[in-house]
Protein backbone atom coordinates (compact mmCIF):
# COMPACT_ATOMS: atom_id res chain seq x y z
CA MET A 1 137.82 152.51 71.40
CA VAL A 2 136.50 152.53 74.95
CA ALA A 3 139.00 151.52 77.65
CA LEU A 4 138.23 148.18 79.26
CA THR A 5 137.83 148.47 83.01
CA ALA A 6 136.87 146.34 85.98
CA CYS A 7 134.15 147.28 88.49
CA ASN A 8 136.61 149.54 90.32
CA ASN A 9 137.16 151.61 87.13
CA ALA A 10 140.77 150.41 86.79
CA SER A 11 141.89 150.05 83.18
CA ILE A 12 143.76 146.93 82.13
CA GLU A 13 145.50 148.88 79.37
CA GLY A 14 149.10 149.86 80.05
CA SER A 15 152.44 148.33 81.02
CA TRP A 16 152.47 145.47 83.55
CA VAL A 17 155.65 144.00 85.05
CA GLU A 18 156.76 141.30 87.49
CA PRO A 19 160.23 140.45 88.88
CA VAL A 20 162.35 138.16 86.69
CA PRO A 21 162.83 134.93 88.70
CA GLY A 22 166.45 134.60 89.83
CA MET A 23 167.47 138.06 88.56
CA PRO A 24 167.13 140.67 91.33
CA GLY A 25 166.34 144.15 90.05
CA MET A 26 165.13 142.94 86.64
CA GLN A 27 161.52 143.05 85.47
CA GLN A 28 159.55 141.41 82.68
CA GLY A 29 155.99 141.71 81.50
CA PHE A 30 153.81 143.10 78.75
CA VAL A 31 152.15 146.21 77.36
CA LEU A 32 148.44 146.19 76.49
CA ASP A 33 147.64 149.00 74.04
CA GLY A 34 144.19 150.47 73.46
CA ASP A 35 144.03 149.21 69.87
CA GLY A 36 144.31 145.55 70.95
CA SER A 37 148.00 145.24 70.21
CA ALA A 38 150.40 143.91 72.83
CA SER A 39 154.17 143.81 73.25
CA SER A 40 156.63 142.10 75.57
CA ILE A 41 158.88 143.76 78.12
CA ASN A 42 162.30 142.10 78.57
CA MET A 43 161.24 138.77 77.04
CA ALA A 44 163.25 138.10 73.89
CA THR A 45 161.80 134.65 73.23
CA LEU A 46 158.16 135.45 74.01
CA LYS A 47 156.74 138.12 71.69
CA TYR A 48 153.24 139.26 72.60
CA GLU A 49 151.37 140.70 69.61
CA ALA A 50 147.67 141.06 70.53
CA TRP A 51 145.28 140.94 73.47
CA LYS A 52 141.56 140.74 74.11
CA LYS A 53 139.45 140.85 77.28
CA VAL A 54 136.44 138.53 77.30
CA GLY A 55 134.50 138.74 80.57
CA ASN A 56 137.02 138.06 83.35
CA ARG A 57 139.51 136.44 80.95
CA LEU A 58 142.56 138.00 79.31
CA LEU A 59 143.62 136.42 76.01
CA LEU A 60 147.27 137.17 75.14
CA SER A 61 148.47 136.07 71.70
CA GLY A 62 151.93 136.07 70.20
CA THR A 63 154.90 134.04 69.05
CA SER A 64 157.25 131.88 71.10
CA ILE A 65 160.71 131.96 69.55
CA GLY A 66 162.71 128.77 70.09
CA ASN A 67 165.59 126.88 68.51
CA HIS A 68 164.99 127.27 64.77
CA GLN A 69 161.20 127.46 65.21
CA ASN A 70 158.54 130.04 65.95
CA ILE A 71 155.30 128.84 67.53
CA SER A 72 152.11 130.94 67.63
CA PHE A 73 150.20 130.80 70.91
CA THR A 74 147.27 132.27 72.80
CA ASP A 75 147.37 132.28 76.62
CA THR A 76 143.98 132.33 78.36
CA LEU A 77 144.37 133.91 81.79
CA THR A 78 141.70 134.55 84.43
CA ILE A 79 141.72 138.09 85.84
CA GLU A 80 141.61 137.50 89.60
CA LYS A 81 142.13 141.14 90.63
CA LEU A 82 142.61 144.45 88.83
CA THR A 83 143.32 147.77 90.57
CA GLN A 84 144.92 151.01 89.40
CA ASP A 85 148.40 149.64 90.22
CA SER A 86 148.14 145.83 90.36
CA LEU A 87 146.97 142.95 88.19
CA ILE A 88 146.67 139.36 89.40
CA LEU A 89 146.20 136.72 86.71
CA LYS A 90 145.64 132.99 87.10
CA ARG A 91 146.65 130.20 84.71
CA GLY A 92 145.54 126.87 86.13
CA GLU A 93 146.91 126.85 89.69
CA LEU A 94 149.62 129.44 88.93
CA LEU A 95 149.05 133.02 90.19
CA LEU A 96 150.88 135.76 88.29
CA LYS A 97 151.20 139.09 90.14
CA TYR A 98 151.97 142.21 88.10
CA ALA A 99 152.46 145.85 89.04
CA ARG A 100 151.66 148.73 86.73
CA ASN A 101 154.86 150.02 85.22
CA ASN A 102 154.85 153.81 85.15
CA GLU A 103 158.43 154.12 83.90
CA ALA A 104 157.73 153.03 80.29
CA LEU A 105 160.27 150.21 80.58
CA ASN A 106 159.50 148.89 77.10
CA GLN A 107 162.82 147.23 76.32
CA GLU A 108 162.79 144.27 73.97
CA THR A 109 165.36 142.14 75.79
CA ILE A 110 167.17 141.74 79.06
CA PRO A 111 170.49 143.62 78.75
CA ALA A 112 173.52 141.38 78.30
CA ALA A 113 176.80 141.72 80.17
CA VAL A 114 179.10 144.46 78.94
CA LEU A 115 181.85 142.96 76.80
CA THR A 116 185.40 144.24 77.13
CA PRO A 117 187.38 144.06 73.88
CA ALA A 118 190.79 142.40 73.87
CA LYS A 119 193.59 144.84 74.62
CA LYS A 120 195.93 143.39 72.00
CA LEU A 121 195.12 141.60 68.79
CA LEU A 122 197.60 138.91 67.73
CA SER A 123 197.58 137.40 64.25
CA VAL A 124 199.16 134.00 63.69
CA LYS A 125 199.83 132.37 60.33
CA GLY A 126 199.69 128.64 60.04
CA GLU A 127 197.80 125.60 58.85
CA LEU A 128 194.24 124.91 59.97
CA VAL A 129 192.93 121.38 59.41
CA ILE A 130 189.19 120.81 59.75
CA GLY A 131 187.89 117.26 59.50
CA HIS A 132 184.86 115.37 60.70
CA GLU A 133 184.88 115.95 64.50
CA VAL A 134 188.60 116.87 64.36
CA ARG A 135 190.21 120.29 64.16
CA SER A 136 193.85 121.23 64.53
CA PHE A 137 196.04 124.27 64.04
CA LYS A 138 199.81 124.34 63.52
CA ALA A 139 201.45 127.77 63.61
CA GLU A 140 204.24 128.55 61.11
CA GLY A 141 207.62 127.87 62.72
CA ASP A 142 206.07 125.85 65.56
CA SER A 143 206.06 122.07 65.93
CA ALA A 144 203.05 121.89 68.29
CA ASP A 145 199.54 121.17 67.03
CA TYR A 146 196.62 122.84 68.76
C-alpha cells in the first residue's frame, strides 16, 4: 500500500496524540496503520478500529463503549493541516490539534491510581440480612446492627 501524504509529503500514518483535558502530563489519541486499521491511545471507552482518507477528509471508525452498550461510529474529520510532526483536524467548529507521537505510547487505557492493600485483614462472623433496599449486619457477640 502506498502511504497517504499531503502536498508537503507528510504521511498521516502513525501515532497522533493530544493532551487529556484536565489531566496534566497525560496524552490521548490514535494510531493510523498503513493497512487501514486504527487503534486508540489512552481511551478505554472509544476504540478506533479503521481509518480512511478521502480527499481532505479523515474517516475514523470504531466502537464507543458505554454503560451496557457498544455503539459503532464513524467520525468524519476535515484535515486542516498536516506536517511531519503535527495534524490539525476539524469537526464542525471544533479544532483538534495533534502532535506526532514518536514514543510509541500505545497504551489501551489511562493508568489508574496505585492501590495499597490493607495491612491487616480482619474476619468477623455474624448475621447478614439483605432485603429490598435494606441491609444490616450483626456481629456474633455484639448487640449493635450495622
